[in-house]
């Protein structure tokens, strides 16, 4: 895949980045170099390679998956301008 000048301008627009016309050719080369590198990565054989969480072999730290209310509902709404029965009170937006 190759990136042209129009695509560079479109990417800049989507990213909300102002790009001068003089910078477009340089950015085009940079983006093409990145895409070439990504294509090279897809050629690497990763069959049988397990994902890593760290370079040192160690078990992943896990916590029990339990739904709670946090145990501190009064503290959560303590700084709210208006609260009622441990809920935030907000102005109605949609009618």
N, C-alpha and C. Protein backbone atom coordinates (compact mmCIF):
# COMPACT_ATOMS: atom_id res chain seq x y z
N UNK A 1 0.85 -1.17 0.00
CA UNK A 1 0.00 0.00 0.00
C UNK A 1 0.90 1.24 0.00
N UNK A 2 0.49 2.22 -0.75
CA UNK A 2 1.26 3.45 -0.85
C UNK A 2 0.35 4.63 -0.53
N UNK A 3 0.89 5.61 0.16
CA UNK A 3 0.14 6.79 0.55
C UNK A 3 0.49 7.92 -0.40
N UNK A 4 -0.52 8.58 -0.96
CA UNK A 4 -0.28 9.72 -1.84
C UNK A 4 -0.53 11.02 -1.07
N UNK A 5 -0.30 12.15 -1.72
CA UNK A 5 -0.42 13.46 -1.06
C UNK A 5 -1.85 13.73 -0.60
N UNK A 6 -2.82 13.28 -1.38
CA UNK A 6 -4.23 13.48 -1.00
C UNK A 6 -4.54 12.72 0.29
N UNK A 7 -4.02 11.51 0.39
CA UNK A 7 -4.24 10.71 1.59
C UNK A 7 -3.57 11.33 2.81
N UNK A 8 -2.37 11.90 2.61
CA UNK A 8 -1.68 12.57 3.72
C UNK A 8 -2.54 13.73 4.23
N UNK A 9 -3.09 14.51 3.33
CA UNK A 9 -3.94 15.64 3.74
C UNK A 9 -5.21 15.15 4.45
N UNK A 10 -5.77 14.05 3.96
CA UNK A 10 -6.97 13.49 4.59
C UNK A 10 -6.66 12.99 6.00
N UNK A 11 -5.53 12.30 6.16
CA UNK A 11 -5.12 11.81 7.48
C UNK A 11 -4.90 12.99 8.43
N UNK A 12 -4.25 14.03 7.93
CA UNK A 12 -4.01 15.22 8.76
C UNK A 12 -5.33 15.86 9.17
N UNK A 13 -6.28 15.91 8.24
CA UNK A 13 -7.59 16.48 8.56
C UNK A 13 -8.30 15.65 9.63
N UNK A 14 -8.28 14.33 9.47
CA UNK A 14 -8.94 13.46 10.44
C UNK A 14 -8.28 13.54 11.81
N UNK A 15 -6.96 13.75 11.83
CA UNK A 15 -6.23 13.86 13.09
C UNK A 15 -6.25 15.28 13.64
N UNK A 16 -6.89 16.16 12.92
CA UNK A 16 -6.98 17.58 13.32
C UNK A 16 -5.59 18.20 13.47
N UNK A 17 -4.72 17.89 12.49
CA UNK A 17 -3.36 18.42 12.49
C UNK A 17 -3.22 19.33 11.28
N UNK A 18 -2.72 20.53 11.51
CA UNK A 18 -2.48 21.46 10.42
C UNK A 18 -1.15 21.09 9.76
N UNK A 19 -1.20 20.84 8.45
CA UNK A 19 -0.01 20.45 7.71
C UNK A 19 0.20 21.45 6.57
N UNK A 20 1.39 22.02 6.53
CA UNK A 20 1.73 22.92 5.43
C UNK A 20 1.98 22.12 4.16
N UNK A 21 1.75 22.73 3.00
CA UNK A 21 1.97 22.05 1.74
C UNK A 21 3.41 21.59 1.58
N UNK A 22 4.33 22.34 2.15
CA UNK A 22 5.76 21.98 2.04
C UNK A 22 6.08 20.71 2.84
N UNK A 23 5.29 20.40 3.85
CA UNK A 23 5.54 19.23 4.70
C UNK A 23 4.92 17.95 4.15
N UNK A 24 4.01 18.07 3.20
CA UNK A 24 3.29 16.90 2.69
C UNK A 24 4.22 15.84 2.10
N UNK A 25 5.18 16.20 1.23
CA UNK A 25 6.06 15.14 0.68
C UNK A 25 6.85 14.39 1.75
N UNK A 26 7.34 15.12 2.76
CA UNK A 26 8.09 14.47 3.84
C UNK A 26 7.18 13.52 4.62
N UNK A 27 5.98 13.96 4.95
CA UNK A 27 5.04 13.11 5.69
C UNK A 27 4.63 11.90 4.85
N UNK A 28 4.52 12.11 3.55
CA UNK A 28 4.17 11.00 2.66
C UNK A 28 5.25 9.93 2.72
N UNK A 29 6.52 10.34 2.68
CA UNK A 29 7.62 9.38 2.79
C UNK A 29 7.60 8.67 4.14
N UNK A 30 7.35 9.42 5.20
CA UNK A 30 7.32 8.83 6.55
C UNK A 30 6.21 7.79 6.67
N UNK A 31 5.02 8.13 6.20
CA UNK A 31 3.90 7.19 6.29
C UNK A 31 4.16 5.95 5.44
N UNK A 32 4.74 6.13 4.26
CA UNK A 32 5.06 4.98 3.42
C UNK A 32 6.11 4.09 4.09
N UNK A 33 7.08 4.69 4.77
CA UNK A 33 8.09 3.91 5.48
C UNK A 33 7.45 3.11 6.62
N UNK A 34 6.51 3.72 7.33
CA UNK A 34 5.81 3.02 8.41
C UNK A 34 5.02 1.83 7.85
N UNK A 35 4.30 2.06 6.77
CA UNK A 35 3.51 0.98 6.17
C UNK A 35 4.40 -0.15 5.64
N UNK A 36 5.55 0.20 5.10
CA UNK A 36 6.49 -0.82 4.63
C UNK A 36 6.97 -1.66 5.80
N UNK A 37 7.26 -1.02 6.93
CA UNK A 37 7.70 -1.76 8.11
C UNK A 37 6.60 -2.69 8.61
N UNK A 38 5.35 -2.21 8.62
CA UNK A 38 4.24 -3.05 9.07
C UNK A 38 4.08 -4.25 8.14
N UNK A 39 4.25 -4.05 6.85
CA UNK A 39 4.18 -5.17 5.91
C UNK A 39 5.29 -6.19 6.18
N UNK A 40 6.46 -5.71 6.55
CA UNK A 40 7.56 -6.62 6.89
C UNK A 40 7.21 -7.43 8.13
N UNK A 41 6.55 -6.81 9.10
CA UNK A 41 6.16 -7.54 10.31
C UNK A 41 5.17 -8.66 10.01
N UNK A 42 4.31 -8.45 9.03
CA UNK A 42 3.33 -9.49 8.72
C UNK A 42 3.99 -10.72 8.11
N UNK A 43 5.22 -10.60 7.66
CA UNK A 43 5.94 -11.74 7.08
C UNK A 43 6.60 -12.61 8.15
N UNK A 44 6.64 -12.14 9.39
CA UNK A 44 7.29 -12.89 10.47
C UNK A 44 6.41 -14.08 10.88
N UNK A 45 7.02 -15.24 11.00
CA UNK A 45 6.30 -16.44 11.42
C UNK A 45 6.16 -16.44 12.94
N UNK A 46 4.95 -16.30 13.43
CA UNK A 46 4.71 -16.27 14.87
C UNK A 46 3.94 -17.51 15.34
N UNK A 47 3.91 -18.53 14.51
CA UNK A 47 3.22 -19.77 14.86
C UNK A 47 3.84 -20.37 16.11
N UNK A 48 3.03 -20.63 17.13
CA UNK A 48 3.51 -21.25 18.35
C UNK A 48 4.12 -20.30 19.35
N UNK A 49 4.17 -19.01 19.05
CA UNK A 49 4.73 -18.03 19.98
C UNK A 49 3.59 -17.49 20.85
N UNK A 50 3.75 -17.66 22.16
CA UNK A 50 2.71 -17.21 23.08
C UNK A 50 2.86 -15.72 23.36
N UNK A 51 1.74 -15.02 23.56
CA UNK A 51 1.82 -13.59 23.89
C UNK A 51 2.53 -13.36 25.23
N UNK A 52 3.20 -12.24 25.36
CA UNK A 52 3.93 -11.92 26.58
C UNK A 52 3.24 -10.80 27.35
N UNK A 53 3.27 -10.89 28.66
CA UNK A 53 2.87 -9.77 29.50
C UNK A 53 4.09 -9.06 30.05
N UNK A 54 5.24 -9.74 29.96
CA UNK A 54 6.50 -9.20 30.47
C UNK A 54 7.64 -10.00 29.82
N UNK A 55 8.81 -9.41 29.80
CA UNK A 55 9.96 -10.15 29.28
C UNK A 55 10.44 -11.20 30.26
N UNK A 56 10.06 -11.07 31.51
CA UNK A 56 10.38 -12.06 32.54
C UNK A 56 9.17 -12.98 32.69
N UNK A 57 9.38 -14.29 32.68
CA UNK A 57 8.25 -15.20 32.84
C UNK A 57 7.66 -15.09 34.25
N UNK A 58 6.42 -14.69 34.32
CA UNK A 58 5.73 -14.58 35.60
C UNK A 58 4.23 -14.67 35.35
N UNK A 59 3.50 -15.16 36.33
CA UNK A 59 2.04 -15.22 36.15
C UNK A 59 1.45 -13.81 36.21
N UNK A 60 0.39 -13.62 35.45
CA UNK A 60 -0.28 -12.33 35.44
C UNK A 60 -1.05 -12.14 36.76
N UNK A 61 -0.89 -10.96 37.35
CA UNK A 61 -1.62 -10.67 38.58
C UNK A 61 -3.10 -10.53 38.25
N UNK A 62 -3.93 -11.25 38.97
CA UNK A 62 -5.37 -11.22 38.71
C UNK A 62 -6.10 -10.92 40.00
N UNK A 63 -7.27 -10.36 39.83
CA UNK A 63 -8.13 -10.12 40.98
C UNK A 63 -9.45 -10.83 40.74
N UNK A 64 -10.17 -11.08 41.80
CA UNK A 64 -11.46 -11.73 41.68
C UNK A 64 -12.42 -10.80 40.95
N UNK A 65 -13.16 -11.32 39.98
CA UNK A 65 -14.08 -10.53 39.19
C UNK A 65 -15.44 -10.50 39.89
N UNK A 66 -15.62 -9.51 40.76
CA UNK A 66 -16.83 -9.41 41.55
C UNK A 66 -17.42 -8.01 41.36
N UNK A 67 -18.72 -7.94 41.13
CA UNK A 67 -19.39 -6.66 41.00
C UNK A 67 -19.75 -6.16 42.40
N UNK A 68 -19.32 -4.93 42.71
CA UNK A 68 -19.66 -4.32 44.00
C UNK A 68 -20.13 -2.90 43.76
N UNK A 69 -20.66 -2.29 44.80
CA UNK A 69 -21.06 -0.89 44.69
C UNK A 69 -19.93 0.03 45.11
N UNK A 70 -18.78 -0.52 45.37
CA UNK A 70 -17.63 0.27 45.78
C UNK A 70 -17.53 0.39 47.29
N UNK A 71 -18.64 0.18 47.98
CA UNK A 71 -18.63 0.23 49.44
C UNK A 71 -18.54 1.62 50.03
N UNK A 72 -18.47 2.64 49.20
CA UNK A 72 -18.35 4.01 49.72
C UNK A 72 -19.29 4.97 48.98
N UNK A 73 -20.57 4.62 48.84
CA UNK A 73 -21.47 5.50 48.06
C UNK A 73 -21.59 6.90 48.65
N UNK A 74 -21.55 7.03 49.96
CA UNK A 74 -21.66 8.37 50.56
C UNK A 74 -20.44 9.23 50.22
N UNK A 75 -19.27 8.62 50.21
CA UNK A 75 -18.05 9.36 49.87
C UNK A 75 -18.04 9.76 48.39
N UNK A 76 -18.63 8.91 47.54
CA UNK A 76 -18.64 9.20 46.10
C UNK A 76 -19.47 10.43 45.81
N UNK A 77 -20.62 10.57 46.45
CA UNK A 77 -21.50 11.72 46.16
C UNK A 77 -21.27 12.88 47.14
N UNK A 78 -20.27 12.80 47.98
CA UNK A 78 -20.04 13.83 49.00
C UNK A 78 -19.79 15.20 48.38
N UNK A 79 -19.08 15.28 47.27
CA UNK A 79 -18.78 16.57 46.66
C UNK A 79 -19.76 16.98 45.57
N UNK A 80 -20.79 16.19 45.35
CA UNK A 80 -21.78 16.53 44.32
C UNK A 80 -22.58 17.75 44.77
N UNK A 81 -22.87 18.67 43.84
CA UNK A 81 -23.67 19.83 44.21
C UNK A 81 -25.06 19.43 44.73
N UNK A 82 -25.65 18.40 44.08
CA UNK A 82 -26.97 17.92 44.51
C UNK A 82 -26.96 16.39 44.40
N UNK A 83 -27.39 15.72 45.45
CA UNK A 83 -27.52 14.27 45.41
C UNK A 83 -28.77 13.87 46.17
N UNK A 84 -29.28 12.68 45.82
CA UNK A 84 -30.48 12.17 46.47
C UNK A 84 -30.40 10.65 46.52
N UNK A 85 -30.55 10.09 47.69
CA UNK A 85 -30.48 8.64 47.90
C UNK A 85 -29.22 8.03 47.27
N UNK A 86 -28.07 8.67 47.49
CA UNK A 86 -26.77 8.21 47.00
C UNK A 86 -26.65 8.22 45.48
N UNK A 87 -27.45 9.05 44.81
CA UNK A 87 -27.36 9.24 43.36
C UNK A 87 -27.08 10.70 43.07
N UNK A 88 -26.41 10.97 41.95
CA UNK A 88 -26.20 12.33 41.50
C UNK A 88 -27.50 12.86 40.91
N UNK A 89 -27.83 14.10 41.21
CA UNK A 89 -29.00 14.74 40.61
C UNK A 89 -28.47 15.73 39.58
N UNK A 90 -28.91 15.54 38.32
CA UNK A 90 -28.46 16.41 37.24
C UNK A 90 -29.66 17.02 36.55
N UNK A 91 -29.46 18.16 35.87
CA UNK A 91 -30.58 18.77 35.17
C UNK A 91 -31.04 17.89 33.99
N UNK A 92 -32.33 17.93 33.72
CA UNK A 92 -32.88 17.16 32.61
C UNK A 92 -32.39 17.77 31.30
N UNK A 93 -31.86 16.95 30.41
CA UNK A 93 -31.32 17.44 29.15
C UNK A 93 -32.24 17.10 27.98
N UNK A 94 -32.78 15.88 27.98
CA UNK A 94 -33.66 15.43 26.90
C UNK A 94 -35.09 15.41 27.41
N UNK A 95 -35.95 15.94 26.61
CA UNK A 95 -37.37 15.97 27.01
C UNK A 95 -38.17 14.92 26.28
